[in-house]
Each structure stands twice: as C-alpha cells, then as structure tokens.
Amino acid sequence: MFLNMAKVIHVHLFSRPRGMVKDFYFSSIAAVYTILTAEDVGATLNYLQHAGLSGNGTVATKKAIIKQATLHSKSIK
C-alpha cells in the first residue's frame, strides 16, 4: 500500500452570516488569500507564513482558527 501525503490548511471563521460557509480547506497558506481577505482571517499572509503552522500547527486570531494538517490518501494502482 502506498500513501500520498500532502498538507491541508483549514480555516474556521467565527462570524459569518447565517447560511454562509464557515469552514474552508486550502492546499497552501497563499491559497487562503485567493478566497478570503486578511480582514476575514484576522491575519496577513506574511503573518501566517511565519506563525508556526508547519508541523501541524494552529494559529488563533480574533476572527478565525487556522490549522495545518496532513492529508493522507491511498495511491491508485
């Protein structure tokens, strides 16, 4: 069995209007800012790049929780 591993960035926003998405998943920190703004997240791209997300870290701001985790998937053969 072969496993592929990739990082995933999970952003959980605390306040969104009812019915709006609160959880987002991205392949990189930079990808977060293609959908959300620094104001939405409560942190800039530069801040998150240096905040210790690597190694499955977590950063909490007043507006969101941002986590990096490992995504495991099985190779298709």
PDB file of N, CA and C in Angstrom:
ATOM      1  N   MET A   1       0.845  -1.173   0.000  1.00  0.00           N
ATOM      2  CA  MET A   1       0.000   0.000   0.000  1.00  0.00           C
ATOM      3  C   MET A   1       0.893   1.240   0.000  1.00  0.00           C
ATOM      4  N   PHE A   2       0.604   2.158  -0.886  1.00  0.00           N
ATOM      5  CA  PHE A   2       1.348   3.411  -0.981  1.00  0.00           C
ATOM      6  C   PHE A   2       0.448   4.550  -0.520  1.00  0.00           C
ATOM      7  N   LEU A   3       0.984   5.381   0.350  1.00  0.00           N
ATOM      8  CA  LEU A   3       0.226   6.535   0.821  1.00  0.00           C
ATOM      9  C   LEU A   3       0.842   7.815   0.289  1.00  0.00           C
ATOM     10  N   ASN A   4      -0.012   8.700  -0.175  1.00  0.00           N
ATOM     11  CA  ASN A   4       0.416  10.042  -0.549  1.00  0.00           C
ATOM     12  C   ASN A   4       0.092  10.950   0.633  1.00  0.00           C
ATOM     13  N   MET A   5       0.995  11.877   0.920  1.00  0.00           N
ATOM     14  CA  MET A   5       0.744  12.827   1.999  1.00  0.00           C
ATOM     15  C   MET A   5       0.904  14.241   1.462  1.00  0.00           C
ATOM     16  N   ALA A   6      -0.024  15.086   1.833  1.00  0.00           N
ATOM     17  CA  ALA A   6       0.021  16.489   1.440  1.00  0.00           C
ATOM     18  C   ALA A   6      -0.472  17.315   2.618  1.00  0.00           C
ATOM     19  N   LYS A   7      -0.087  18.580   2.641  1.00  0.00           N
ATOM     20  CA  LYS A   7      -0.591  19.427   3.716  1.00  0.00           C
ATOM     21  C   LYS A   7      -1.917  20.044   3.300  1.00  0.00           C
ATOM     22  N   VAL A   8      -2.728  20.321   4.283  1.00  0.00           N
ATOM     23  CA  VAL A   8      -4.001  20.990   4.063  1.00  0.00           C
ATOM     24  C   VAL A   8      -4.124  22.085   5.127  1.00  0.00           C
ATOM     25  N   ILE A   9      -4.599  23.241   4.699  1.00  0.00           N
ATOM     26  CA  ILE A   9      -4.818  24.355   5.601  1.00  0.00           C
ATOM     27  C   ILE A   9      -6.321  24.483   5.817  1.00  0.00           C
ATOM     28  N   HIS A  10      -6.752  24.385   7.074  1.00  0.00           N
ATOM     29  CA  HIS A  10      -8.164  24.506   7.430  1.00  0.00           C
ATOM     30  C   HIS A  10      -8.372  25.860   8.103  1.00  0.00           C
ATOM     31  N   VAL A  11      -9.317  26.627   7.578  1.00  0.00           N
ATOM     32  CA  VAL A  11      -9.654  27.925   8.161  1.00  0.00           C
ATOM     33  C   VAL A  11     -11.102  27.851   8.637  1.00  0.00           C
ATOM     34  N   HIS A  12     -11.299  28.064   9.936  1.00  0.00           N
ATOM     35  CA  HIS A  12     -12.646  28.124  10.517  1.00  0.00           C
ATOM     36  C   HIS A  12     -12.901  29.560  10.940  1.00  0.00           C
ATOM     37  N   LEU A  13     -13.894  30.189  10.295  1.00  0.00           N
ATOM     38  CA  LEU A  13     -14.239  31.577  10.607  1.00  0.00           C
ATOM     39  C   LEU A  13     -15.284  31.606  11.717  1.00  0.00           C
ATOM     40  N   PHE A  14     -15.092  32.493  12.680  1.00  0.00           N
ATOM     41  CA  PHE A  14     -16.017  32.594  13.801  1.00  0.00           C
ATOM     42  C   PHE A  14     -17.330  33.265  13.437  1.00  0.00           C
ATOM     43  N   SER A  15     -17.274  34.344  12.691  1.00  0.00           N
ATOM     44  CA  SER A  15     -18.521  35.063  12.410  1.00  0.00           C
ATOM     45  C   SER A  15     -18.746  35.198  10.915  1.00  0.00           C
ATOM     46  N   ARG A  16     -19.783  34.565  10.461  1.00  0.00           N
ATOM     47  CA  ARG A  16     -20.255  34.675   9.083  1.00  0.00           C
ATOM     48  C   ARG A  16     -21.763  34.785   9.154  1.00  0.00           C
ATOM     49  N   PRO A  17     -22.370  35.447   8.197  1.00  0.00           N
ATOM     50  CA  PRO A  17     -23.840  35.495   8.196  1.00  0.00           C
ATOM     51  C   PRO A  17     -24.438  34.085   8.145  1.00  0.00           C
ATOM     52  N   ARG A  18     -25.596  33.930   8.740  1.00  0.00           N
ATOM     53  CA  ARG A  18     -26.263  32.623   8.765  1.00  0.00           C
ATOM     54  C   ARG A  18     -26.359  32.048   7.352  1.00  0.00           C
ATOM     55  N   GLY A  19     -26.017  30.796   7.217  1.00  0.00           N
ATOM     56  CA  GLY A  19     -26.073  30.132   5.926  1.00  0.00           C
ATOM     57  C   GLY A  19     -24.798  30.256   5.105  1.00  0.00           C
ATOM     58  N   MET A  20     -23.859  31.077   5.526  1.00  0.00           N
ATOM     59  CA  MET A  20     -22.593  31.236   4.802  1.00  0.00           C
ATOM     60  C   MET A  20     -21.585  30.205   5.294  1.00  0.00           C
ATOM     61  N   VAL A  21     -20.685  29.810   4.429  1.00  0.00           N
ATOM     62  CA  VAL A  21     -19.656  28.822   4.752  1.00  0.00           C
ATOM     63  C   VAL A  21     -18.740  29.354   5.847  1.00  0.00           C
ATOM     64  N   LYS A  22     -18.453  28.508   6.843  1.00  0.00           N
ATOM     65  CA  LYS A  22     -17.551  28.901   7.922  1.00  0.00           C
ATOM     66  C   LYS A  22     -16.236  28.131   7.875  1.00  0.00           C
ATOM     67  N   ASP A  23     -16.204  27.018   7.163  1.00  0.00           N
ATOM     68  CA  ASP A  23     -15.001  26.191   7.095  1.00  0.00           C
ATOM     69  C   ASP A  23     -14.500  26.112   5.660  1.00  0.00           C
ATOM     70  N   PHE A  24     -13.201  26.382   5.509  1.00  0.00           N
ATOM     71  CA  PHE A  24     -12.556  26.371   4.205  1.00  0.00           C
ATOM     72  C   PHE A  24     -11.313  25.499   4.293  1.00  0.00           C
ATOM     73  N   TYR A  25     -10.957  24.834   3.197  1.00  0.00           N
ATOM     74  CA  TYR A  25      -9.782  23.968   3.138  1.00  0.00           C
ATOM     75  C   TYR A  25      -8.947  24.360   1.928  1.00  0.00           C
ATOM     76  N   PHE A  26      -7.638  24.525   2.145  1.00  0.00           N
ATOM     77  CA  PHE A  26      -6.741  25.004   1.104  1.00  0.00           C
ATOM     78  C   PHE A  26      -5.490  24.139   1.036  1.00  0.00           C
ATOM     79  N   SER A  27      -4.817  24.179  -0.109  1.00  0.00           N
ATOM     80  CA  SER A  27      -3.585  23.405  -0.302  1.00  0.00           C
ATOM     81  C   SER A  27      -2.341  24.155   0.145  1.00  0.00           C
ATOM     82  N   SER A  28      -2.469  25.456   0.412  1.00  0.00           N
ATOM     83  CA  SER A  28      -1.326  26.238   0.866  1.00  0.00           C
ATOM     84  C   SER A  28      -1.826  27.477   1.605  1.00  0.00           C
ATOM     85  N   ILE A  29      -0.938  28.100   2.348  1.00  0.00           N
ATOM     86  CA  ILE A  29      -1.299  29.332   3.055  1.00  0.00           C
ATOM     87  C   ILE A  29      -1.646  30.425   2.046  1.00  0.00           C
ATOM     88  N   ALA A  30      -0.872  30.527   0.980  1.00  0.00           N
ATOM     89  CA  ALA A  30      -1.131  31.559  -0.032  1.00  0.00           C
ATOM     90  C   ALA A  30      -2.510  31.381  -0.673  1.00  0.00           C
ATOM     91  N   ALA A  31      -2.955  30.139  -0.831  1.00  0.00           N
ATOM     92  CA  ALA A  31      -4.266  29.876  -1.443  1.00  0.00           C
ATOM     93  C   ALA A  31      -5.411  30.422  -0.598  1.00  0.00           C
ATOM     94  N   VAL A  32      -5.217  30.542   0.708  1.00  0.00           N
ATOM     95  CA  VAL A  32      -6.240  31.101   1.594  1.00  0.00           C
ATOM     96  C   VAL A  32      -6.675  32.469   1.076  1.00  0.00           C
ATOM     97  N   TYR A  33      -5.701  33.265   0.632  1.00  0.00           N
ATOM     98  CA  TYR A  33      -5.970  34.642   0.247  1.00  0.00           C
ATOM     99  C   TYR A  33      -6.497  34.785  -1.178  1.00  0.00           C
ATOM    100  N   THR A  34      -6.733  33.678  -1.870  1.00  0.00           N
ATOM    101  CA  THR A  34      -7.427  33.741  -3.158  1.00  0.00           C
ATOM    102  C   THR A  34      -8.935  33.782  -2.949  1.00  0.00           C
ATOM    103  N   ILE A  35      -9.401  33.328  -1.778  1.00  0.00           N
ATOM    104  CA  ILE A  35     -10.831  33.295  -1.460  1.00  0.00           C
ATOM    105  C   ILE A  35     -11.173  34.279  -0.340  1.00  0.00           C
ATOM    106  N   LEU A  36     -10.329  34.312   0.682  1.00  0.00           N
ATOM    107  CA  LEU A  36     -10.571  35.145   1.855  1.00  0.00           C
ATOM    108  C   LEU A  36      -9.594  36.319   1.885  1.00  0.00           C
ATOM    109  N   THR A  37      -9.954  37.347   2.626  1.00  0.00           N
ATOM    110  CA  THR A  37      -9.070  38.505   2.778  1.00  0.00           C
ATOM    111  C   THR A  37      -8.381  38.445   4.141  1.00  0.00           C
ATOM    112  N   ALA A  38      -7.361  39.263   4.305  1.00  0.00           N
ATOM    113  CA  ALA A  38      -6.681  39.360   5.598  1.00  0.00           C
ATOM    114  C   ALA A  38      -7.671  39.815   6.669  1.00  0.00           C
ATOM    115  N   GLU A  39      -8.625  40.635   6.287  1.00  0.00           N
ATOM    116  CA  GLU A  39      -9.655  41.082   7.234  1.00  0.00           C
ATOM    117  C   GLU A  39     -10.559  39.920   7.648  1.00  0.00           C
ATOM    118  N   ASP A  40     -10.923  39.048   6.703  1.00  0.00           N
ATOM    119  CA  ASP A  40     -11.746  37.872   7.023  1.00  0.00           C
ATOM    120  C   ASP A  40     -11.056  36.970   8.041  1.00  0.00           C
ATOM    121  N   VAL A  41      -9.761  36.738   7.817  1.00  0.00           N
ATOM    122  CA  VAL A  41      -8.982  35.788   8.609  1.00  0.00           C
ATOM    123  C   VAL A  41      -8.457  36.409   9.903  1.00  0.00           C
ATOM    124  N   GLY A  42      -8.222  37.702   9.876  1.00  0.00           N
ATOM    125  CA  GLY A  42      -7.650  38.372  11.035  1.00  0.00           C
ATOM    126  C   GLY A  42      -6.136  38.300  11.073  1.00  0.00           C
ATOM    127  N   ALA A  43      -5.529  37.986   9.930  1.00  0.00           N
ATOM    128  CA  ALA A  43      -4.064  37.893   9.833  1.00  0.00           C
ATOM    129  C   ALA A  43      -3.650  38.036   8.375  1.00  0.00           C
ATOM    130  N   THR A  44      -2.470  38.576   8.164  1.00  0.00           N
ATOM    131  CA  THR A  44      -1.945  38.718   6.805  1.00  0.00           C
ATOM    132  C   THR A  44      -1.251  37.440   6.364  1.00  0.00           C
ATOM    133  N   LEU A  45      -1.006  37.338   5.078  1.00  0.00           N
ATOM    134  CA  LEU A  45      -0.264  36.204   4.529  1.00  0.00           C
ATOM    135  C   LEU A  45       1.105  36.110   5.183  1.00  0.00           C
ATOM    136  N   ASN A  46       1.810  37.208   5.278  1.00  0.00           N
ATOM    137  CA  ASN A  46       3.143  37.213   5.880  1.00  0.00           C
ATOM    138  C   ASN A  46       3.106  36.710   7.326  1.00  0.00           C
ATOM    139  N   TYR A  47       2.102  37.135   8.080  1.00  0.00           N
ATOM    140  CA  TYR A  47       1.979  36.692   9.469  1.00  0.00           C
ATOM    141  C   TYR A  47       1.806  35.169   9.547  1.00  0.00           C
ATOM    142  N   LEU A  48       0.885  34.625   8.735  1.00  0.00           N
ATOM    143  CA  LEU A  48       0.643  33.177   8.785  1.00  0.00           C
ATOM    144  C   LEU A  48       1.852  32.374   8.313  1.00  0.00           C
ATOM    145  N   GLN A  49       2.592  32.909   7.345  1.00  0.00           N
ATOM    146  CA  GLN A  49       3.782  32.198   6.861  1.00  0.00           C
ATOM    147  C   GLN A  49       4.851  32.082   7.942  1.00  0.00           C
ATOM    148  N   HIS A  50       4.828  32.963   8.928  1.00  0.00           N
ATOM    149  CA  HIS A  50       5.849  32.952   9.981  1.00  0.00           C
ATOM    150  C   HIS A  50       5.288  32.592  11.355  1.00  0.00           C
ATOM    151  N   ALA A  51       4.033  32.176  11.426  1.00  0.00           N
ATOM    152  CA  ALA A  51       3.365  31.985  12.711  1.00  0.00           C
ATOM    153  C   ALA A  51       3.486  30.577  13.285  1.00  0.00           C
ATOM    154  N   GLY A  52       4.134  29.669  12.604  1.00  0.00           N
ATOM    155  CA  GLY A  52       4.308  28.333  13.150  1.00  0.00           C
ATOM    156  C   GLY A  52       3.243  27.332  12.754  1.00  0.00           C
ATOM    157  N   LEU A  53       2.686  27.456  11.560  1.00  0.00           N
ATOM    158  CA  LEU A  53       1.705  26.470  11.104  1.00  0.00           C
ATOM    159  C   LEU A  53       2.359  25.160  10.693  1.00  0.00           C
ATOM    160  N   SER A  54       3.610  25.201  10.278  1.00  0.00           N
ATOM    161  CA  SER A  54       4.263  23.969   9.841  1.00  0.00           C
ATOM    162  C   SER A  54       4.321  22.981  10.998  1.00  0.00           C
ATOM    163  N   GLY A  55       4.355  21.701  10.674  1.00  0.00           N
ATOM    164  CA  GLY A  55       4.353  20.679  11.711  1.00  0.00           C
ATOM    165  C   GLY A  55       2.998  20.541  12.375  1.00  0.00           C
ATOM    166  N   ASN A  56       1.936  20.741  11.591  1.00  0.00           N
ATOM    167  CA  ASN A  56       0.558  20.613  12.069  1.00  0.00           C
ATOM    168  C   ASN A  56       0.228  21.606  13.182  1.00  0.00           C
ATOM    169  N   GLY A  57       0.691  22.834  13.021  1.00  0.00           N
ATOM    170  CA  GLY A  57       0.436  23.883  13.999  1.00  0.00           C
ATOM    171  C   GLY A  57      -0.929  24.529  13.839  1.00  0.00           C
ATOM    172  N   THR A  58      -1.275  25.345  14.821  1.00  0.00           N
ATOM    173  CA  THR A  58      -2.554  26.066  14.848  1.00  0.00           C
ATOM    174  C   THR A  58      -2.300  27.515  15.221  1.00  0.00           C
ATOM    175  N   VAL A  59      -3.013  28.423  14.559  1.00  0.00           N
ATOM    176  CA  VAL A  59      -2.962  29.844  14.888  1.00  0.00           C
ATOM    177  C   VAL A  59      -4.401  30.297  15.114  1.00  0.00           C
ATOM    178  N   ALA A  60      -4.636  30.981  16.219  1.00  0.00           N
ATOM    179  CA  ALA A  60      -5.967  31.536  16.503  1.00  0.00           C
ATOM    180  C   ALA A  60      -5.890  33.053  16.444  1.00  0.00           C
ATOM    181  N   THR A  61      -6.824  33.656  15.740  1.00  0.00           N
ATOM    182  CA  THR A  61      -6.960  35.107  15.702  1.00  0.00           C
ATOM    183  C   THR A  61      -8.329  35.453  16.292  1.00  0.00           C
ATOM    184  N   LYS A  62      -8.653  36.713  16.333  1.00  0.00           N
ATOM    185  CA  LYS A  62      -9.971  37.122  16.828  1.00  0.00           C
ATOM    186  C   LYS A  62     -11.089  36.699  15.877  1.00  0.00           C
ATOM    187  N   LYS A  63     -10.729  36.392  14.625  1.00  0.00           N
ATOM    188  CA  LYS A  63     -11.742  36.097  13.618  1.00  0.00           C
ATOM    189  C   LYS A  63     -11.748  34.657  13.121  1.00  0.00           C
ATOM    190  N   ALA A  64     -10.670  33.894  13.393  1.00  0.00           N
ATOM    191  CA  ALA A  64     -10.587  32.557  12.813  1.00  0.00           C
ATOM    192  C   ALA A  64      -9.599  31.675  13.566  1.00  0.00           C
ATOM    193  N   ILE A  65      -9.746  30.380  13.326  1.00  0.00           N
ATOM    194  CA  ILE A  65      -8.732  29.404  13.723  1.00  0.00           C
ATOM    195  C   ILE A  65      -8.175  28.839  12.425  1.00  0.00           C
ATOM    196  N   ILE A  66      -6.857  28.868  12.291  1.00  0.00           N
ATOM    197  CA  ILE A  66      -6.193  28.379  11.090  1.00  0.00           C
ATOM    198  C   ILE A  66      -5.299  27.221  11.516  1.00  0.00           C
ATOM    199  N   LYS A  67      -5.488  26.056  10.890  1.00  0.00           N
ATOM    200  CA  LYS A  67      -4.725  24.864  11.247  1.00  0.00           C
ATOM    201  C   LYS A  67      -4.087  24.277  10.000  1.00  0.00           C
ATOM    202  N   GLN A  68      -2.898  23.738  10.171  1.00  0.00           N
ATOM    203  CA  GLN A  68      -2.281  22.954   9.105  1.00  0.00           C
ATOM    204  C   GLN A  68      -2.290  21.506   9.556  1.00  0.00           C
ATOM    205  N   ALA A  69      -2.679  20.614   8.671  1.00  0.00           N
ATOM    206  CA  ALA A  69      -2.713  19.192   8.977  1.00  0.00           C
ATOM    207  C   ALA A  69      -2.190  18.416   7.781  1.00  0.00           C
ATOM    208  N   THR A  70      -2.010  17.132   7.969  1.00  0.00           N
ATOM    209  CA  THR A  70      -1.545  16.261   6.897  1.00  0.00           C
ATOM    210  C   THR A  70      -2.726  15.492   6.330  1.00  0.00           C
ATOM    211  N   LEU A  71      -2.863  15.535   5.025  1.00  0.00           N
ATOM    212  CA  LEU A  71      -3.904  14.800   4.322  1.00  0.00           C
ATOM    213  C   LEU A  71      -3.280  13.517   3.795  1.00  0.00           C
ATOM    214  N   HIS A  72      -3.821  12.390   4.188  1.00  0.00           N
ATOM    215  CA  HIS A  72      -3.325  11.085   3.745  1.00  0.00           C
ATOM    216  C   HIS A  72      -4.272  10.529   2.689  1.00  0.00           C
ATOM    217  N   SER A  73      -3.714  10.026   1.617  1.00  0.00           N
ATOM    218  CA  SER A  73      -4.551   9.391   0.602  1.00  0.00           C
ATOM    219  C   SER A  73      -3.826   8.175   0.037  1.00  0.00           C
ATOM    220  N   LYS A  74      -4.590   7.223  -0.410  1.00  0.00           N
ATOM    221  CA  LYS A  74      -4.024   6.000  -0.960  1.00  0.00           C
ATOM    222  C   LYS A  74      -3.802   6.176  -2.457  1.00  0.00           C
ATOM    223  N   SER A  75      -2.653   5.722  -2.912  1.00  0.00           N
ATOM    224  CA  SER A  75      -2.353   5.773  -4.341  1.00  0.00           C
ATOM    225  C   SER A  75      -3.219   4.754  -5.071  1.00  0.00           C
ATOM    226  N   ILE A  76      -3.653   5.124  -6.249  1.00  0.00           N
ATOM    227  CA  ILE A  76      -4.427   4.217  -7.088  1.00  0.00           C
ATOM    228  C   ILE A  76      -3.460   3.483  -7.987  1.00  0.00           C
ATOM    229  N   LYS A  77      -3.510   2.189  -7.950  1.00  0.00           N
ATOM    230  CA  LYS A  77      -2.632   1.372  -8.819  1.00  0.00           C
ATOM    231  C   LYS A  77      -3.431   0.377  -9.574  1.00  0.00           C
TER     232      LYS A  77
END
